[in-house]
Amino acid sequence: KEKEKEILDNLNLFEESKKFLDNNMSLATLSAQLGTNTKYLSEIINKYKDRNFNSYINELRITYAIQLLSADKSYHQYKISYIAEICGFTSHSVFTKVFKSVTGFSPFEFIQNIKSST
């Protein structure tokens, strides 16, 4: 229980530090940074975050993208591939697919909705 709490606290710090934006972030990398093994970290993420590692990281990245696009209109002018890249995605198509699964909109549609509501 104590180790679980320590890992959860470290996951919160990881989220605040925005290290999930590193496109090389993997379960192995994160577990090494947190001083635990991949199997245990994966179990903790599944149990407390209710998703697998990839879904966890991708949702953090999409949440960041939403904050970026909502808070700063200058990002509306950038190509979707650039936004994907700064949010930690190596593929425009994966970014678009995950963005749509999380928000229900493609990144382009999301930006258009923000533009029309302001």
N, C-alpha and C. Protein backbone atom coordinates (compact mmCIF):
# COMPACT_ATOMS: atom_id res chain seq x y z
N LYS A 1 0.84 -1.21 0.00
CA LYS A 1 0.00 0.00 0.00
C LYS A 1 0.87 1.26 0.00
N GLU A 2 1.92 1.24 0.81
CA GLU A 2 2.79 2.41 0.88
C GLU A 2 3.50 2.66 -0.45
N LYS A 3 3.95 1.57 -1.07
CA LYS A 3 4.62 1.67 -2.37
C LYS A 3 3.64 2.17 -3.43
N GLU A 4 2.39 1.70 -3.37
CA GLU A 4 1.37 2.18 -4.31
C GLU A 4 1.17 3.68 -4.17
N LYS A 5 1.07 4.16 -2.94
CA LYS A 5 0.88 5.60 -2.70
C LYS A 5 2.07 6.39 -3.23
N GLU A 6 3.26 5.86 -3.00
CA GLU A 6 4.48 6.53 -3.48
C GLU A 6 4.46 6.64 -5.01
N ILE A 7 4.09 5.56 -5.67
CA ILE A 7 4.04 5.57 -7.13
C ILE A 7 2.95 6.52 -7.62
N LEU A 8 1.79 6.52 -6.98
CA LEU A 8 0.72 7.45 -7.37
C LEU A 8 1.15 8.90 -7.18
N ASP A 9 1.82 9.19 -6.06
CA ASP A 9 2.33 10.54 -5.83
C ASP A 9 3.32 10.93 -6.93
N ASN A 10 4.19 9.97 -7.28
CA ASN A 10 5.17 10.24 -8.34
C ASN A 10 4.50 10.40 -9.70
N LEU A 11 3.41 9.67 -9.94
CA LEU A 11 2.67 9.85 -11.20
C LEU A 11 2.07 11.25 -11.26
N ASN A 12 1.57 11.74 -10.13
CA ASN A 12 1.03 13.10 -10.10
C ASN A 12 2.12 14.13 -10.41
N LEU A 13 3.30 13.92 -9.84
CA LEU A 13 4.43 14.81 -10.13
C LEU A 13 4.82 14.73 -11.61
N PHE A 14 4.80 13.52 -12.14
CA PHE A 14 5.08 13.29 -13.56
C PHE A 14 4.10 14.08 -14.43
N GLU A 15 2.81 14.04 -14.07
CA GLU A 15 1.79 14.76 -14.83
C GLU A 15 2.03 16.27 -14.75
N GLU A 16 2.34 16.77 -13.56
CA GLU A 16 2.58 18.20 -13.37
C GLU A 16 3.82 18.67 -14.13
N SER A 17 4.83 17.81 -14.22
CA SER A 17 6.08 18.18 -14.88
C SER A 17 5.97 18.18 -16.40
N LYS A 18 4.88 17.63 -16.91
CA LYS A 18 4.62 17.54 -18.35
C LYS A 18 5.67 16.69 -19.09
N LYS A 19 6.30 15.76 -18.38
CA LYS A 19 7.29 14.88 -19.03
C LYS A 19 6.62 13.92 -20.01
N PHE A 20 5.30 13.81 -19.95
CA PHE A 20 4.56 12.97 -20.90
C PHE A 20 4.64 13.53 -22.32
N LEU A 21 5.08 14.78 -22.45
CA LEU A 21 5.21 15.40 -23.77
C LEU A 21 6.43 14.87 -24.53
N ASP A 22 7.32 14.19 -23.83
CA ASP A 22 8.48 13.58 -24.46
C ASP A 22 8.00 12.44 -25.35
N ASN A 23 8.25 12.54 -26.65
CA ASN A 23 7.71 11.51 -27.56
C ASN A 23 8.42 10.17 -27.41
N ASN A 24 9.48 10.11 -26.63
CA ASN A 24 10.16 8.85 -26.35
C ASN A 24 9.69 8.21 -25.04
N MET A 25 8.70 8.81 -24.41
CA MET A 25 8.22 8.28 -23.13
C MET A 25 7.61 6.91 -23.33
N SER A 26 8.10 5.97 -22.56
CA SER A 26 7.59 4.61 -22.63
C SER A 26 7.37 4.10 -21.21
N LEU A 27 6.71 2.98 -21.12
CA LEU A 27 6.50 2.36 -19.81
C LEU A 27 7.85 2.08 -19.14
N ALA A 28 8.81 1.59 -19.92
CA ALA A 28 10.14 1.28 -19.37
C ALA A 28 10.84 2.55 -18.88
N THR A 29 10.75 3.62 -19.66
CA THR A 29 11.37 4.90 -19.28
C THR A 29 10.76 5.43 -18.00
N LEU A 30 9.44 5.45 -17.96
CA LEU A 30 8.76 5.99 -16.78
C LEU A 30 9.02 5.13 -15.55
N SER A 31 8.99 3.83 -15.70
CA SER A 31 9.22 2.98 -14.54
C SER A 31 10.64 3.17 -14.01
N ALA A 32 11.61 3.37 -14.91
CA ALA A 32 12.98 3.64 -14.47
C ALA A 32 13.05 4.97 -13.71
N GLN A 33 12.36 5.99 -14.22
CA GLN A 33 12.33 7.30 -13.55
C GLN A 33 11.69 7.22 -12.17
N LEU A 34 10.70 6.35 -12.03
CA LEU A 34 9.98 6.23 -10.76
C LEU A 34 10.59 5.19 -9.83
N GLY A 35 11.60 4.49 -10.32
CA GLY A 35 12.28 3.50 -9.50
C GLY A 35 11.44 2.27 -9.19
N THR A 36 10.69 1.82 -10.18
CA THR A 36 9.88 0.62 -10.02
C THR A 36 9.99 -0.21 -11.29
N ASN A 37 9.38 -1.38 -11.31
CA ASN A 37 9.44 -2.17 -12.54
C ASN A 37 8.20 -1.94 -13.40
N THR A 38 8.32 -2.31 -14.66
CA THR A 38 7.25 -2.02 -15.63
C THR A 38 5.95 -2.73 -15.29
N LYS A 39 6.05 -3.97 -14.83
CA LYS A 39 4.85 -4.75 -14.52
C LYS A 39 4.06 -4.08 -13.39
N TYR A 40 4.76 -3.67 -12.35
CA TYR A 40 4.08 -3.05 -11.21
C TYR A 40 3.50 -1.69 -11.58
N LEU A 41 4.26 -0.89 -12.32
CA LEU A 41 3.76 0.41 -12.75
C LEU A 41 2.52 0.25 -13.63
N SER A 42 2.57 -0.70 -14.52
CA SER A 42 1.43 -0.97 -15.39
C SER A 42 0.20 -1.35 -14.57
N GLU A 43 0.38 -2.20 -13.57
CA GLU A 43 -0.73 -2.59 -12.68
C GLU A 43 -1.32 -1.38 -11.97
N ILE A 44 -0.44 -0.49 -11.46
CA ILE A 44 -0.90 0.71 -10.73
C ILE A 44 -1.71 1.61 -11.67
N ILE A 45 -1.22 1.82 -12.88
CA ILE A 45 -1.93 2.67 -13.85
C ILE A 45 -3.28 2.05 -14.20
N ASN A 46 -3.28 0.74 -14.43
CA ASN A 46 -4.55 0.06 -14.73
C ASN A 46 -5.53 0.19 -13.57
N LYS A 47 -5.05 0.00 -12.36
CA LYS A 47 -5.92 0.00 -11.18
C LYS A 47 -6.44 1.39 -10.83
N TYR A 48 -5.55 2.39 -10.83
CA TYR A 48 -5.94 3.71 -10.33
C TYR A 48 -6.30 4.72 -11.43
N LYS A 49 -5.78 4.52 -12.62
CA LYS A 49 -6.09 5.45 -13.72
C LYS A 49 -7.10 4.83 -14.67
N ASP A 50 -7.45 3.57 -14.43
CA ASP A 50 -8.48 2.86 -15.18
C ASP A 50 -8.22 2.82 -16.68
N ARG A 51 -6.94 2.65 -17.04
CA ARG A 51 -6.56 2.54 -18.45
C ARG A 51 -5.17 1.95 -18.54
N ASN A 52 -4.78 1.52 -19.74
CA ASN A 52 -3.43 1.01 -19.90
C ASN A 52 -2.44 2.16 -20.08
N PHE A 53 -1.17 1.85 -20.08
CA PHE A 53 -0.14 2.90 -20.13
C PHE A 53 -0.31 3.80 -21.35
N ASN A 54 -0.47 3.22 -22.54
CA ASN A 54 -0.58 4.04 -23.75
C ASN A 54 -1.79 4.96 -23.70
N SER A 55 -2.91 4.46 -23.24
CA SER A 55 -4.11 5.31 -23.13
C SER A 55 -3.88 6.43 -22.12
N TYR A 56 -3.23 6.09 -21.02
CA TYR A 56 -2.92 7.08 -19.98
C TYR A 56 -2.07 8.22 -20.55
N ILE A 57 -0.98 7.88 -21.21
CA ILE A 57 -0.08 8.89 -21.79
C ILE A 57 -0.80 9.69 -22.87
N ASN A 58 -1.51 9.00 -23.76
CA ASN A 58 -2.20 9.69 -24.84
C ASN A 58 -3.26 10.65 -24.33
N GLU A 59 -3.98 10.26 -23.30
CA GLU A 59 -5.01 11.17 -22.75
C GLU A 59 -4.38 12.38 -22.09
N LEU A 60 -3.25 12.21 -21.42
CA LEU A 60 -2.53 13.36 -20.86
C LEU A 60 -2.13 14.32 -21.98
N ARG A 61 -1.64 13.76 -23.07
CA ARG A 61 -1.20 14.59 -24.20
C ARG A 61 -2.38 15.31 -24.86
N ILE A 62 -3.51 14.64 -25.00
CA ILE A 62 -4.68 15.26 -25.62
C ILE A 62 -5.23 16.36 -24.70
N THR A 63 -5.26 16.10 -23.41
CA THR A 63 -5.70 17.13 -22.46
C THR A 63 -4.80 18.36 -22.57
N TYR A 64 -3.52 18.13 -22.71
CA TYR A 64 -2.58 19.25 -22.89
C TYR A 64 -2.88 19.99 -24.19
N ALA A 65 -3.13 19.26 -25.27
CA ALA A 65 -3.45 19.88 -26.56
C ALA A 65 -4.72 20.73 -26.45
N ILE A 66 -5.72 20.21 -25.76
CA ILE A 66 -6.97 20.96 -25.58
C ILE A 66 -6.72 22.25 -24.81
N GLN A 67 -5.92 22.17 -23.75
CA GLN A 67 -5.58 23.36 -22.97
C GLN A 67 -4.85 24.39 -23.83
N LEU A 68 -3.91 23.90 -24.63
CA LEU A 68 -3.13 24.76 -25.51
C LEU A 68 -4.04 25.48 -26.49
N LEU A 69 -4.88 24.72 -27.17
CA LEU A 69 -5.76 25.27 -28.20
C LEU A 69 -6.82 26.19 -27.61
N SER A 70 -7.25 25.89 -26.39
CA SER A 70 -8.29 26.70 -25.76
C SER A 70 -7.73 28.00 -25.19
N ALA A 71 -6.50 27.95 -24.71
CA ALA A 71 -5.93 29.11 -24.02
C ALA A 71 -5.20 30.09 -24.93
N ASP A 72 -4.71 29.61 -26.05
CA ASP A 72 -3.86 30.47 -26.90
C ASP A 72 -4.29 30.35 -28.36
N LYS A 73 -4.94 31.39 -28.84
CA LYS A 73 -5.46 31.38 -30.21
C LYS A 73 -4.37 31.27 -31.27
N SER A 74 -3.15 31.64 -30.93
CA SER A 74 -2.08 31.58 -31.93
C SER A 74 -1.85 30.14 -32.40
N TYR A 75 -2.18 29.15 -31.56
CA TYR A 75 -2.02 27.75 -31.97
C TYR A 75 -3.01 27.34 -33.04
N HIS A 76 -4.07 28.11 -33.23
CA HIS A 76 -5.06 27.80 -34.25
C HIS A 76 -4.46 27.92 -35.66
N GLN A 77 -3.38 28.70 -35.79
CA GLN A 77 -2.77 28.92 -37.11
C GLN A 77 -1.79 27.81 -37.48
N TYR A 78 -1.35 27.04 -36.48
CA TYR A 78 -0.35 26.01 -36.74
C TYR A 78 -0.95 24.79 -37.43
N LYS A 79 -0.08 24.06 -38.11
CA LYS A 79 -0.52 22.79 -38.72
C LYS A 79 -0.80 21.79 -37.60
N ILE A 80 -1.76 20.92 -37.85
CA ILE A 80 -2.12 19.88 -36.88
C ILE A 80 -0.90 19.01 -36.57
N SER A 81 -0.08 18.75 -37.57
CA SER A 81 1.11 17.91 -37.35
C SER A 81 2.07 18.57 -36.36
N TYR A 82 2.17 19.91 -36.38
CA TYR A 82 3.03 20.61 -35.42
C TYR A 82 2.45 20.50 -34.01
N ILE A 83 1.16 20.68 -33.88
CA ILE A 83 0.51 20.56 -32.57
C ILE A 83 0.70 19.14 -32.04
N ALA A 84 0.53 18.16 -32.92
CA ALA A 84 0.75 16.76 -32.53
C ALA A 84 2.16 16.58 -31.99
N GLU A 85 3.13 17.15 -32.70
CA GLU A 85 4.54 17.01 -32.32
C GLU A 85 4.82 17.64 -30.95
N ILE A 86 4.34 18.85 -30.71
CA ILE A 86 4.63 19.50 -29.42
C ILE A 86 3.87 18.84 -28.27
N CYS A 87 2.87 18.06 -28.61
CA CYS A 87 2.13 17.33 -27.57
C CYS A 87 2.68 15.92 -27.35
N GLY A 88 3.76 15.58 -28.03
CA GLY A 88 4.42 14.32 -27.79
C GLY A 88 4.10 13.19 -28.75
N PHE A 89 3.30 13.47 -29.77
CA PHE A 89 2.95 12.44 -30.74
C PHE A 89 3.95 12.45 -31.89
N THR A 90 4.32 11.28 -32.36
CA THR A 90 5.24 11.19 -33.50
C THR A 90 4.48 11.07 -34.81
N SER A 91 3.18 10.86 -34.72
CA SER A 91 2.37 10.66 -35.92
C SER A 91 1.14 11.55 -35.88
N HIS A 92 0.94 12.30 -36.97
CA HIS A 92 -0.23 13.15 -37.13
C HIS A 92 -1.50 12.30 -37.07
N SER A 93 -1.47 11.15 -37.75
CA SER A 93 -2.68 10.31 -37.82
C SER A 93 -3.04 9.72 -36.46
N VAL A 94 -2.05 9.32 -35.68
CA VAL A 94 -2.33 8.79 -34.33
C VAL A 94 -2.90 9.91 -33.46
N PHE A 95 -2.30 11.10 -33.55
CA PHE A 95 -2.81 12.25 -32.79
C PHE A 95 -4.28 12.51 -33.12
N THR A 96 -4.58 12.55 -34.41
CA THR A 96 -5.96 12.82 -34.84
C THR A 96 -6.92 11.74 -34.34
N LYS A 97 -6.50 10.49 -34.46
CA LYS A 97 -7.34 9.37 -34.02
C LYS A 97 -7.60 9.43 -32.51
N VAL A 98 -6.54 9.65 -31.73
CA VAL A 98 -6.69 9.70 -30.27
C VAL A 98 -7.49 10.94 -29.87
N PHE A 99 -7.21 12.07 -30.52
CA PHE A 99 -7.94 13.32 -30.22
C PHE A 99 -9.43 13.11 -30.42
N LYS A 100 -9.79 12.49 -31.54
CA LYS A 100 -11.20 12.26 -31.83
C LYS A 100 -11.82 11.28 -30.84
N SER A 101 -11.07 10.26 -30.43
CA SER A 101 -11.63 9.30 -29.48
C SER A 101 -11.85 9.93 -28.11
N VAL A 102 -11.02 10.91 -27.74
CA VAL A 102 -11.16 11.57 -26.44
C VAL A 102 -12.23 12.67 -26.47
N THR A 103 -12.23 13.48 -27.54
CA THR A 103 -13.10 14.65 -27.57
C THR A 103 -14.38 14.47 -28.40
N GLY A 104 -14.35 13.51 -29.32
CA GLY A 104 -15.48 13.36 -30.24
C GLY A 104 -15.33 14.22 -31.49
N PHE A 105 -14.25 15.01 -31.56
CA PHE A 105 -13.99 15.89 -32.70
C PHE A 105 -12.58 15.64 -33.22
N SER A 106 -12.38 15.89 -34.49
CA SER A 106 -11.01 15.89 -35.01
C SER A 106 -10.37 17.19 -34.49
N PRO A 107 -9.04 17.27 -34.48
CA PRO A 107 -8.41 18.53 -34.05
C PRO A 107 -8.88 19.72 -34.87
N PHE A 108 -9.04 19.53 -36.18
CA PHE A 108 -9.51 20.61 -37.05
C PHE A 108 -10.91 21.07 -36.63
N GLU A 109 -11.81 20.10 -36.41
CA GLU A 109 -13.18 20.44 -35.99
C GLU A 109 -13.16 21.15 -34.63
N PHE A 110 -12.31 20.69 -33.74
CA PHE A 110 -12.20 21.30 -32.41
C PHE A 110 -11.79 22.77 -32.53
N ILE A 111 -10.79 23.03 -33.36
CA ILE A 111 -10.33 24.41 -33.57
C ILE A 111 -11.44 25.25 -34.19
N GLN A 112 -12.16 24.70 -35.15
CA GLN A 112 -13.26 25.43 -35.80
C GLN A 112 -14.35 25.76 -34.76
N ASN A 113 -14.63 24.82 -33.87
CA ASN A 113 -15.64 25.07 -32.82
C ASN A 113 -15.19 26.19 -31.88
N ILE A 114 -13.92 26.20 -31.53
CA ILE A 114 -13.41 27.27 -30.66
C ILE A 114 -13.52 28.61 -31.38
N LYS A 115 -13.12 28.63 -32.64
CA LYS A 115 -13.17 29.88 -33.43
C LYS A 115 -14.59 30.41 -33.53
N SER A 116 -15.56 29.52 -33.74
CA SER A 116 -16.94 29.97 -33.94
C SER A 116 -17.62 30.36 -32.63
N SER A 117 -17.06 29.89 -31.51
CA SER A 117 -17.70 30.22 -30.23
C SER A 117 -17.10 31.48 -29.59
N THR A 118 -16.09 32.07 -30.24
CA THR A 118 -15.51 33.30 -29.68
C THR A 118 -15.85 34.49 -30.51
